[in-house]
């Protein structure tokens, strides 16, 4: 059943998705023969995804502690995110496999203890400064864990031969509202220069819906709607997984209809992270 993953009432479901996807991630990295296998995540191998997860998990823990101590924290911005995450992930190649896995699991257990203990006030009313995105309500952090474990498990399965796999519906469904925030945050200003377009996004499935998108002056805005038929173009996703994986640049999904110029621009508006 679809829920609002940003609301505290969804906490147990969201954390259960984190644990489910983390278990899938662990099942792959625990097999020694997979350690240097390729993935769908660029040039990263399985071992690099472990390094990446150590990096981001320890980053979340550090920023949580800083926020609770009232210490200021800087944000680097999303434009440098891909480059910085890649640089740090590759440094963990020097760490022996058993040590890397043990470190990740210990870090993750500590983070899950924090997430389990979140109160309603902390869930939506306590801000933690993300290294690249700035101050965010705490509920973003379990969502980031679902993105990390869910999408990167998919990346690893792809590298191991499952080229047509999907994210579980619940996993992708929880991420659907965050995909709009991701798009809003990653508009490429050069691509969006002088652009003024409107189009519809339709996502089938229990967690889906219809949205009216407007991009103008480099800004992406969106709102739920009951009808997209009046809009110049529509991109229609067959399920939540297709929408999430397309937004993350893993596949080229979505059946587009309408004005070809609007469609072409809508598909090239965003920079990769």
C-alpha atoms as a PDB file:
ATOM      1  CA  UNK A   1       0.000   0.000   0.000  1.00  0.00           C
ATOM      2  CA  UNK A   2       1.361   3.411  -0.947  1.00  0.00           C
ATOM      3  CA  UNK A   3       2.322   5.750   1.878  1.00  0.00           C
ATOM      4  CA  UNK A   4       3.929   9.160   2.233  1.00  0.00           C
ATOM      5  CA  UNK A   5       7.558   8.215   2.976  1.00  0.00           C
ATOM      6  CA  UNK A   6       8.309  11.681   4.294  1.00  0.00           C
ATOM      7  CA  UNK A   7       5.775  11.408   7.105  1.00  0.00           C
ATOM      8  CA  UNK A   8       6.765   9.956  10.458  1.00  0.00           C
ATOM      9  CA  UNK A   9       3.929   7.444  10.204  1.00  0.00           C
ATOM     10  CA  UNK A  10       5.917   5.778   7.405  1.00  0.00           C
ATOM     11  CA  UNK A  11       9.075   5.362   9.495  1.00  0.00           C
ATOM     12  CA  UNK A  12       8.724   1.618  10.137  1.00  0.00           C
ATOM     13  CA  UNK A  13       8.025   0.883   6.485  1.00  0.00           C
ATOM     14  CA  UNK A  14      10.869   3.065   5.248  1.00  0.00           C
ATOM     15  CA  UNK A  15      13.376   1.483   7.636  1.00  0.00           C
ATOM     16  CA  UNK A  16      12.174  -1.985   6.678  1.00  0.00           C
ATOM     17  CA  UNK A  17      12.905  -1.124   3.038  1.00  0.00           C
ATOM     18  CA  UNK A  18      16.394   0.036   4.050  1.00  0.00           C
ATOM     19  CA  UNK A  19      17.049  -3.283   5.784  1.00  0.00           C
ATOM     20  CA  UNK A  20      15.643  -5.302   2.894  1.00  0.00           C
ATOM     21  CA  UNK A  21      17.799  -3.551   0.306  1.00  0.00           C
ATOM     22  CA  UNK A  22      20.827  -3.625   2.569  1.00  0.00           C
ATOM     23  CA  UNK A  23      20.408  -7.382   2.853  1.00  0.00           C
ATOM     24  CA  UNK A  24      20.447  -7.703  -0.936  1.00  0.00           C
ATOM     25  CA  UNK A  25      23.572  -5.575  -1.101  1.00  0.00           C
ATOM     26  CA  UNK A  26      25.284  -7.706   1.544  1.00  0.00           C
ATOM     27  CA  UNK A  27      24.369 -10.939  -0.225  1.00  0.00           C
ATOM     28  CA  UNK A  28      26.344  -9.781  -3.261  1.00  0.00           C
ATOM     29  CA  UNK A  29      29.389  -8.358  -1.511  1.00  0.00           C
ATOM     30  CA  UNK A  30      29.656 -11.378   0.805  1.00  0.00           C
ATOM     31  CA  UNK A  31      30.471 -13.593  -2.210  1.00  0.00           C
ATOM     32  CA  UNK A  32      34.260 -13.258  -2.738  1.00  0.00           C
ATOM     33  CA  UNK A  33      34.020 -13.934  -6.485  1.00  0.00           C
ATOM     34  CA  UNK A  34      31.943 -10.757  -6.957  1.00  0.00           C
ATOM     35  CA  UNK A  35      34.477  -8.347  -5.454  1.00  0.00           C
ATOM     36  CA  UNK A  36      35.964  -7.041  -8.706  1.00  0.00           C
ATOM     37  CA  UNK A  37      32.903  -7.527 -10.902  1.00  0.00           C
ATOM     38  CA  UNK A  38      31.751  -4.593 -13.054  1.00  0.00           C
ATOM     39  CA  UNK A  39      28.596  -2.668 -12.219  1.00  0.00           C
ATOM     40  CA  UNK A  40      26.167  -0.311 -13.939  1.00  0.00           C
ATOM     41  CA  UNK A  41      27.611   2.509 -11.825  1.00  0.00           C
ATOM     42  CA  UNK A  42      30.148   3.792 -14.337  1.00  0.00           C
ATOM     43  CA  UNK A  43      33.651   2.392 -13.904  1.00  0.00           C
ATOM     44  CA  UNK A  44      32.995   1.272 -10.342  1.00  0.00           C
ATOM     45  CA  UNK A  45      33.394  -2.362  -9.457  1.00  0.00           C
ATOM     46  CA  UNK A  46      31.557  -4.087  -6.597  1.00  0.00           C
ATOM     47  CA  UNK A  47      34.436  -3.216  -4.255  1.00  0.00           C
ATOM     48  CA  UNK A  48      34.086   0.459  -5.170  1.00  0.00           C
ATOM     49  CA  UNK A  49      30.416   0.435  -4.251  1.00  0.00           C
ATOM     50  CA  UNK A  50      31.440  -0.896  -0.844  1.00  0.00           C
ATOM     51  CA  UNK A  51      33.940   1.953  -0.565  1.00  0.00           C
ATOM     52  CA  UNK A  52      31.238   4.406  -1.616  1.00  0.00           C
ATOM     53  CA  UNK A  53      28.855   3.080   1.016  1.00  0.00           C
ATOM     54  CA  UNK A  54      31.518   3.391   3.719  1.00  0.00           C
ATOM     55  CA  UNK A  55      32.104   6.980   2.610  1.00  0.00           C
ATOM     56  CA  UNK A  56      28.480   8.110   2.604  1.00  0.00           C
ATOM     57  CA  UNK A  57      27.485   6.202   5.738  1.00  0.00           C
ATOM     58  CA  UNK A  58      30.366   7.635   7.736  1.00  0.00           C
ATOM     59  CA  UNK A  59      29.528  11.031   6.269  1.00  0.00           C
ATOM     60  CA  UNK A  60      25.963  10.753   7.547  1.00  0.00           C
ATOM     61  CA  UNK A  61      27.209   9.717  10.993  1.00  0.00           C
ATOM     62  CA  UNK A  62      29.651  12.620  11.156  1.00  0.00           C
ATOM     63  CA  UNK A  63      27.063  15.150  10.046  1.00  0.00           C
ATOM     64  CA  UNK A  64      24.516  13.756  12.537  1.00  0.00           C
ATOM     65  CA  UNK A  65      26.996  14.219  15.383  1.00  0.00           C
ATOM     66  CA  UNK A  66      27.881  17.724  14.201  1.00  0.00           C
ATOM     67  CA  UNK A  67      24.227  18.711  14.015  1.00  0.00           C
ATOM     68  CA  UNK A  68      23.575  17.466  17.540  1.00  0.00           C
ATOM     69  CA  UNK A  69      26.563  19.423  18.820  1.00  0.00           C
ATOM     70  CA  UNK A  70      25.339  22.522  17.008  1.00  0.00           C
ATOM     71  CA  UNK A  71      28.501  22.747  14.917  1.00  0.00           C
ATOM     72  CA  UNK A  72      28.359  24.499  11.527  1.00  0.00           C
ATOM     73  CA  UNK A  73      28.872  22.307   8.473  1.00  0.00           C
ATOM     74  CA  UNK A  74      29.619  23.355   4.929  1.00  0.00           C
ATOM     75  CA  UNK A  75      27.981  22.007   1.785  1.00  0.00           C
ATOM     76  CA  UNK A  76      29.924  21.511  -1.449  1.00  0.00           C
ATOM     77  CA  UNK A  77      27.007  21.555  -3.907  1.00  0.00           C
ATOM     78  CA  UNK A  78      25.703  18.887  -6.265  1.00  0.00           C
ATOM     79  CA  UNK A  79      27.841  19.953  -9.217  1.00  0.00           C
ATOM     80  CA  UNK A  80      30.935  18.400  -7.616  1.00  0.00           C
ATOM     81  CA  UNK A  81      29.158  15.435  -6.042  1.00  0.00           C
ATOM     82  CA  UNK A  82      29.937  12.807  -8.676  1.00  0.00           C
ATOM     83  CA  UNK A  83      33.602  13.770  -8.866  1.00  0.00           C
ATOM     84  CA  UNK A  84      34.110  13.802  -5.100  1.00  0.00           C
ATOM     85  CA  UNK A  85      32.229  10.561  -4.452  1.00  0.00           C
ATOM     86  CA  UNK A  86      34.290   8.846  -7.140  1.00  0.00           C
ATOM     87  CA  UNK A  87      37.563  10.141  -5.757  1.00  0.00           C
ATOM     88  CA  UNK A  88      36.846   8.923  -2.235  1.00  0.00           C
ATOM     89  CA  UNK A  89      35.311   5.583  -3.232  1.00  0.00           C
ATOM     90  CA  UNK A  90      38.432   4.579  -5.136  1.00  0.00           C
ATOM     91  CA  UNK A  91      40.665   5.230  -2.119  1.00  0.00           C
ATOM     92  CA  UNK A  92      39.095   2.227  -0.385  1.00  0.00           C
ATOM     93  CA  UNK A  93      40.604  -0.146  -2.935  1.00  0.00           C
ATOM     94  CA  UNK A  94      43.623  -0.238  -0.629  1.00  0.00           C
ATOM     95  CA  UNK A  95      41.487  -1.685   2.174  1.00  0.00           C
ATOM     96  CA  UNK A  96      41.402  -5.518   2.285  1.00  0.00           C
ATOM     97  CA  UNK A  97      38.026  -6.981   1.365  1.00  0.00           C
ATOM     98  CA  UNK A  98      37.219  -8.440   4.790  1.00  0.00           C
ATOM     99  CA  UNK A  99      38.113  -5.187   6.520  1.00  0.00           C
ATOM    100  CA  UNK A 100      36.064  -3.101   4.083  1.00  0.00           C
ATOM    101  CA  UNK A 101      32.968  -5.253   4.527  1.00  0.00           C
ATOM    102  CA  UNK A 102      33.328  -5.333   8.310  1.00  0.00           C
ATOM    103  CA  UNK A 103      33.723  -1.556   8.424  1.00  0.00           C
ATOM    104  CA  UNK A 104      30.653  -0.971   6.270  1.00  0.00           C
ATOM    105  CA  UNK A 105      28.504  -3.311   8.347  1.00  0.00           C
ATOM    106  CA  UNK A 106      29.611  -1.723  11.612  1.00  0.00           C
ATOM    107  CA  UNK A 107      28.948   1.773  10.242  1.00  0.00           C
ATOM    108  CA  UNK A 108      25.558   0.720   8.919  1.00  0.00           C
ATOM    109  CA  UNK A 109      24.534  -0.854  12.211  1.00  0.00           C
ATOM    110  CA  UNK A 110      25.396   2.362  14.028  1.00  0.00           C
ATOM    111  CA  UNK A 111      23.401   4.439  11.550  1.00  0.00           C
ATOM    112  CA  UNK A 112      20.404   2.114  11.746  1.00  0.00           C
ATOM    113  CA  UNK A 113      20.429   2.417  15.542  1.00  0.00           C
ATOM    114  CA  UNK A 114      20.162   6.181  15.144  1.00  0.00           C
ATOM    115  CA  UNK A 115      17.385   5.916  12.539  1.00  0.00           C
ATOM    116  CA  UNK A 116      15.461   3.424  14.660  1.00  0.00           C
ATOM    117  CA  UNK A 117      15.516   5.847  17.560  1.00  0.00           C
ATOM    118  CA  UNK A 118      14.277   8.904  15.684  1.00  0.00           C
ATOM    119  CA  UNK A 119      11.353  10.655  17.314  1.00  0.00           C
ATOM    120  CA  UNK A 120       8.569  12.352  15.381  1.00  0.00           C
ATOM    121  CA  UNK A 121      10.162  15.738  16.082  1.00  0.00           C
ATOM    122  CA  UNK A 122      13.557  14.574  14.843  1.00  0.00           C
ATOM    123  CA  UNK A 123      12.116  12.885  11.738  1.00  0.00           C
ATOM    124  CA  UNK A 124      10.789  16.060  10.200  1.00  0.00           C
ATOM    125  CA  UNK A 125      11.945  18.854  12.472  1.00  0.00           C
ATOM    126  CA  UNK A 126      15.680  18.330  12.907  1.00  0.00           C
ATOM    127  CA  UNK A 127      17.995  19.351  10.076  1.00  0.00           C
ATOM    128  CA  UNK A 128      21.301  17.669   9.267  1.00  0.00           C
ATOM    129  CA  UNK A 129      23.606  19.323   6.724  1.00  0.00           C
ATOM    130  CA  UNK A 130      24.287  16.993   3.812  1.00  0.00           C
ATOM    131  CA  UNK A 131      27.806  17.212   2.382  1.00  0.00           C
ATOM    132  CA  UNK A 132      26.491  18.205  -1.047  1.00  0.00           C
ATOM    133  CA  UNK A 133      22.839  19.234  -0.602  1.00  0.00           C
ATOM    134  CA  UNK A 134      22.943  21.426   2.486  1.00  0.00           C
ATOM    135  CA  UNK A 135      20.550  21.286   5.464  1.00  0.00           C
ATOM    136  CA  UNK A 136      17.892  18.597   5.112  1.00  0.00           C
ATOM    137  CA  UNK A 137      15.239  17.146   7.435  1.00  0.00           C
ATOM    138  CA  UNK A 138      16.369  13.867   8.940  1.00  0.00           C
ATOM    139  CA  UNK A 139      13.822  11.817   6.964  1.00  0.00           C
ATOM    140  CA  UNK A 140      15.961  12.344   3.869  1.00  0.00           C
ATOM    141  CA  UNK A 141      18.712  10.144   5.275  1.00  0.00           C
ATOM    142  CA  UNK A 142      16.860   6.813   5.356  1.00  0.00           C
ATOM    143  CA  UNK A 143      15.687   7.673   1.828  1.00  0.00           C
ATOM    144  CA  UNK A 144      19.313   8.172   0.790  1.00  0.00           C
ATOM    145  CA  UNK A 145      20.079   4.748   2.245  1.00  0.00           C
ATOM    146  CA  UNK A 146      17.328   3.238   0.090  1.00  0.00           C
ATOM    147  CA  UNK A 147      18.748   4.991  -2.964  1.00  0.00           C
ATOM    148  CA  UNK A 148      22.233   3.758  -2.108  1.00  0.00           C
ATOM    149  CA  UNK A 149      21.456   0.160  -1.225  1.00  0.00           C
ATOM    150  CA  UNK A 150      18.545  -0.249  -3.643  1.00  0.00           C
ATOM    151  CA  UNK A 151      19.969   1.337  -6.784  1.00  0.00           C
ATOM    152  CA  UNK A 152      23.502   0.098  -6.174  1.00  0.00           C
ATOM    153  CA  UNK A 153      22.296  -3.455  -5.581  1.00  0.00           C
ATOM    154  CA  UNK A 154      20.577  -3.133  -8.963  1.00  0.00           C
ATOM    155  CA  UNK A 155      23.877  -1.833 -10.385  1.00  0.00           C
ATOM    156  CA  UNK A 156      25.696  -4.901  -9.109  1.00  0.00           C
ATOM    157  CA  UNK A 157      23.062  -7.347 -10.344  1.00  0.00           C
ATOM    158  CA  UNK A 158      23.301  -5.683 -13.755  1.00  0.00           C
ATOM    159  CA  UNK A 159      27.061  -6.207 -13.757  1.00  0.00           C
ATOM    160  CA  UNK A 160      26.548  -9.837 -12.816  1.00  0.00           C
ATOM    161  CA  UNK A 161      24.280 -10.409 -15.803  1.00  0.00           C
ATOM    162  CA  UNK A 162      20.756  -9.352 -14.799  1.00  0.00           C
ATOM    163  CA  UNK A 163      20.330  -6.686 -17.491  1.00  0.00           C
ATOM    164  CA  UNK A 164      16.528  -6.470 -17.316  1.00  0.00           C
ATOM    165  CA  UNK A 165      15.952  -6.500 -13.571  1.00  0.00           C
ATOM    166  CA  UNK A 166      13.740  -4.052 -11.733  1.00  0.00           C
ATOM    167  CA  UNK A 167      13.668  -2.479  -8.321  1.00  0.00           C
ATOM    168  CA  UNK A 168      11.068  -3.933  -5.984  1.00  0.00           C
ATOM    169  CA  UNK A 169       7.857  -1.945  -6.251  1.00  0.00           C
ATOM    170  CA  UNK A 170       7.926  -0.865  -2.611  1.00  0.00           C
ATOM    171  CA  UNK A 171      11.564   0.226  -2.872  1.00  0.00           C
ATOM    172  CA  UNK A 172      10.963   2.289  -5.992  1.00  0.00           C
ATOM    173  CA  UNK A 173       7.652   3.548  -4.648  1.00  0.00           C
ATOM    174  CA  UNK A 174       9.230   5.019  -1.537  1.00  0.00           C
ATOM    175  CA  UNK A 175      11.679   6.872  -3.786  1.00  0.00           C
ATOM    176  CA  UNK A 176       9.145   8.338  -6.235  1.00  0.00           C
ATOM    177  CA  UNK A 177       8.629  11.682  -4.425  1.00  0.00           C
ATOM    178  CA  UNK A 178      12.366  12.079  -3.959  1.00  0.00           C
ATOM    179  CA  UNK A 179      12.926  11.778  -7.698  1.00  0.00           C
ATOM    180  CA  UNK A 180      11.145  15.083  -8.225  1.00  0.00           C
ATOM    181  CA  UNK A 181      13.389  16.730  -5.643  1.00  0.00           C
ATOM    182  CA  UNK A 182      16.375  15.190  -7.424  1.00  0.00           C
ATOM    183  CA  UNK A 183      15.243  16.602 -10.762  1.00  0.00           C
ATOM    184  CA  UNK A 184      14.556  19.988  -9.203  1.00  0.00           C
ATOM    185  CA  UNK A 185      18.088  19.994  -7.758  1.00  0.00           C
ATOM    186  CA  UNK A 186      19.975  18.854 -10.870  1.00  0.00           C
ATOM    187  CA  UNK A 187      18.755  21.143 -13.631  1.00  0.00           C
ATOM    188  CA  UNK A 188      21.720  21.862 -15.888  1.00  0.00           C
ATOM    189  CA  UNK A 189      21.666  25.626 -16.248  1.00  0.00           C
ATOM    190  CA  UNK A 190      23.322  25.594 -19.662  1.00  0.00           C
ATOM    191  CA  UNK A 191      20.772  23.123 -21.011  1.00  0.00           C
ATOM    192  CA  UNK A 192      17.922  25.047 -19.407  1.00  0.00           C
ATOM    193  CA  UNK A 193      18.969  28.460 -20.721  1.00  0.00           C
ATOM    194  CA  UNK A 194      15.991  30.237 -22.331  1.00  0.00           C
ATOM    195  CA  UNK A 195      13.856  27.117 -21.856  1.00  0.00           C
ATOM    196  CA  UNK A 196      10.176  27.516 -21.015  1.00  0.00           C
ATOM    197  CA  UNK A 197       8.372  24.183 -21.337  1.00  0.00           C
ATOM    198  CA  UNK A 198       5.533  22.314 -19.718  1.00  0.00           C
ATOM    199  CA  UNK A 199       4.982  18.574 -19.832  1.00  0.00           C
ATOM    200  CA  UNK A 200       3.373  15.746 -17.958  1.00  0.00           C
ATOM    201  CA  UNK A 201       4.905  12.858 -16.078  1.00  0.00           C
ATOM    202  CA  UNK A 202       2.763   9.766 -15.547  1.00  0.00           C
ATOM    203  CA  UNK A 203       3.937   6.876 -13.379  1.00  0.00           C
ATOM    204  CA  UNK A 204       1.795   3.754 -13.272  1.00  0.00           C
ATOM    205  CA  UNK A 205       1.565   1.622 -10.159  1.00  0.00           C
ATOM    206  CA  UNK A 206       0.244   1.932  -6.628  1.00  0.00           C
ATOM    207  CA  UNK A 207       2.921   4.490  -5.732  1.00  0.00           C
ATOM    208  CA  UNK A 208       2.642   6.448  -8.969  1.00  0.00           C
ATOM    209  CA  UNK A 209       0.520   9.316 -10.169  1.00  0.00           C
ATOM    210  CA  UNK A 210       0.403  12.216 -12.609  1.00  0.00           C
ATOM    211  CA  UNK A 211       2.364  15.444 -12.408  1.00  0.00           C
ATOM    212  CA  UNK A 212       2.394  18.736 -14.290  1.00  0.00           C
ATOM    213  CA  UNK A 213       5.984  19.877 -14.785  1.00  0.00           C
ATOM    214  CA  UNK A 214       7.081  23.395 -15.695  1.00  0.00           C
ATOM    215  CA  UNK A 215      10.682  24.354 -16.447  1.00  0.00           C
ATOM    216  CA  UNK A 216      11.375  28.058 -16.813  1.00  0.00           C
ATOM    217  CA  UNK A 217      14.379  30.287 -16.135  1.00  0.00           C
ATOM    218  CA  UNK A 218      16.411  27.278 -15.060  1.00  0.00           C
ATOM    219  CA  UNK A 219      13.888  26.247 -12.419  1.00  0.00           C
ATOM    220  CA  UNK A 220      12.035  22.916 -12.314  1.00  0.00           C
ATOM    221  CA  UNK A 221       8.630  22.957 -10.645  1.00  0.00           C
ATOM    222  CA  UNK A 222       5.966  20.278 -10.413  1.00  0.00           C
ATOM    223  CA  UNK A 223       2.551  19.617  -8.960  1.00  0.00           C
ATOM    224  CA  UNK A 224       0.231  16.604  -8.841  1.00  0.00           C
ATOM    225  CA  UNK A 225      -2.627  16.679 -11.312  1.00  0.00           C
ATOM    226  CA  UNK A 226      -5.541  14.528 -12.403  1.00  0.00           C
ATOM    227  CA  UNK A 227      -5.103  15.281 -16.094  1.00  0.00           C
ATOM    228  CA  UNK A 228      -2.072  15.739 -18.357  1.00  0.00           C
ATOM    229  CA  UNK A 229      -3.949  15.557 -21.671  1.00  0.00           C
ATOM    230  CA  UNK A 230      -3.824  19.337 -22.176  1.00  0.00           C
ATOM    231  CA  UNK A 231      -0.038  19.502 -21.876  1.00  0.00           C
ATOM    232  CA  UNK A 232       2.213  19.677 -24.968  1.00  0.00           C
ATOM    233  CA  UNK A 233       4.011  16.415 -24.128  1.00  0.00           C
ATOM    234  CA  UNK A 234       3.877  13.529 -21.681  1.00  0.00           C
ATOM    235  CA  UNK A 235       6.439  10.981 -20.507  1.00  0.00           C
ATOM    236  CA  UNK A 236       4.719   7.823 -19.307  1.00  0.00           C
ATOM    237  CA  UNK A 237       6.483   5.242 -17.129  1.00  0.00           C
ATOM    238  CA  UNK A 238       5.072   1.732 -16.885  1.00  0.00           C
ATOM    239  CA  UNK A 239       5.943   1.406 -13.190  1.00  0.00           C
ATOM    240  CA  UNK A 240       7.768   3.018 -10.293  1.00  0.00           C
ATOM    241  CA  UNK A 241      11.001   1.159 -11.028  1.00  0.00           C
ATOM    242  CA  UNK A 242      11.218   2.464 -14.597  1.00  0.00           C
ATOM    243  CA  UNK A 243      10.742   6.020 -13.332  1.00  0.00           C
ATOM    244  CA  UNK A 244      13.383   5.762 -10.596  1.00  0.00           C
ATOM    245  CA  UNK A 245      15.978   3.999 -12.736  1.00  0.00           C
ATOM    246  CA  UNK A 246      15.470   6.497 -15.551  1.00  0.00           C
ATOM    247  CA  UNK A 247      15.801   9.447 -13.192  1.00  0.00           C
ATOM    248  CA  UNK A 248      19.073   7.990 -11.931  1.00  0.00           C
ATOM    249  CA  UNK A 249      20.290   7.567 -15.517  1.00  0.00           C
ATOM    250  CA  UNK A 250      20.485   3.774 -15.343  1.00  0.00           C
ATOM    251  CA  UNK A 251      18.027   3.165 -18.188  1.00  0.00           C
ATOM    252  CA  UNK A 252      16.295   5.257 -20.848  1.00  0.00           C
ATOM    253  CA  UNK A 253      12.702   4.594 -19.914  1.00  0.00           C
ATOM    254  CA  UNK A 254       9.381   6.322 -20.356  1.00  0.00           C
ATOM    255  CA  UNK A 255       7.178   6.348 -23.443  1.00  0.00           C
ATOM    256  CA  UNK A 256       7.011   9.929 -24.674  1.00  0.00           C
ATOM    257  CA  UNK A 257       4.167  11.436 -26.692  1.00  0.00           C
ATOM    258  CA  UNK A 258       3.512  14.938 -27.942  1.00  0.00           C
ATOM    259  CA  UNK A 259       5.756  17.791 -29.062  1.00  0.00           C
ATOM    260  CA  UNK A 260       9.141  16.263 -30.015  1.00  0.00           C
ATOM    261  CA  UNK A 261      11.032  19.444 -29.145  1.00  0.00           C
ATOM    262  CA  UNK A 262       9.575  19.510 -25.649  1.00  0.00           C
ATOM    263  CA  UNK A 263      10.355  15.810 -25.223  1.00  0.00           C
ATOM    264  CA  UNK A 264      13.935  16.228 -26.392  1.00  0.00           C
ATOM    265  CA  UNK A 265      14.518  19.115 -24.017  1.00  0.00           C
ATOM    266  CA  UNK A 266      12.833  17.341 -21.097  1.00  0.00           C
ATOM    267  CA  UNK A 267      15.158  14.377 -21.529  1.00  0.00           C
ATOM    268  CA  UNK A 268      18.348  16.483 -21.541  1.00  0.00           C
ATOM    269  CA  UNK A 269      17.718  19.003 -18.801  1.00  0.00           C
ATOM    270  CA  UNK A 270      19.636  17.386 -15.970  1.00  0.00           C
ATOM    271  CA  UNK A 271      23.233  16.788 -14.993  1.00  0.00           C
ATOM    272  CA  UNK A 272      24.314  13.432 -13.576  1.00  0.00           C
ATOM    273  CA  UNK A 273      25.269  12.872  -9.966  1.00  0.00           C
END
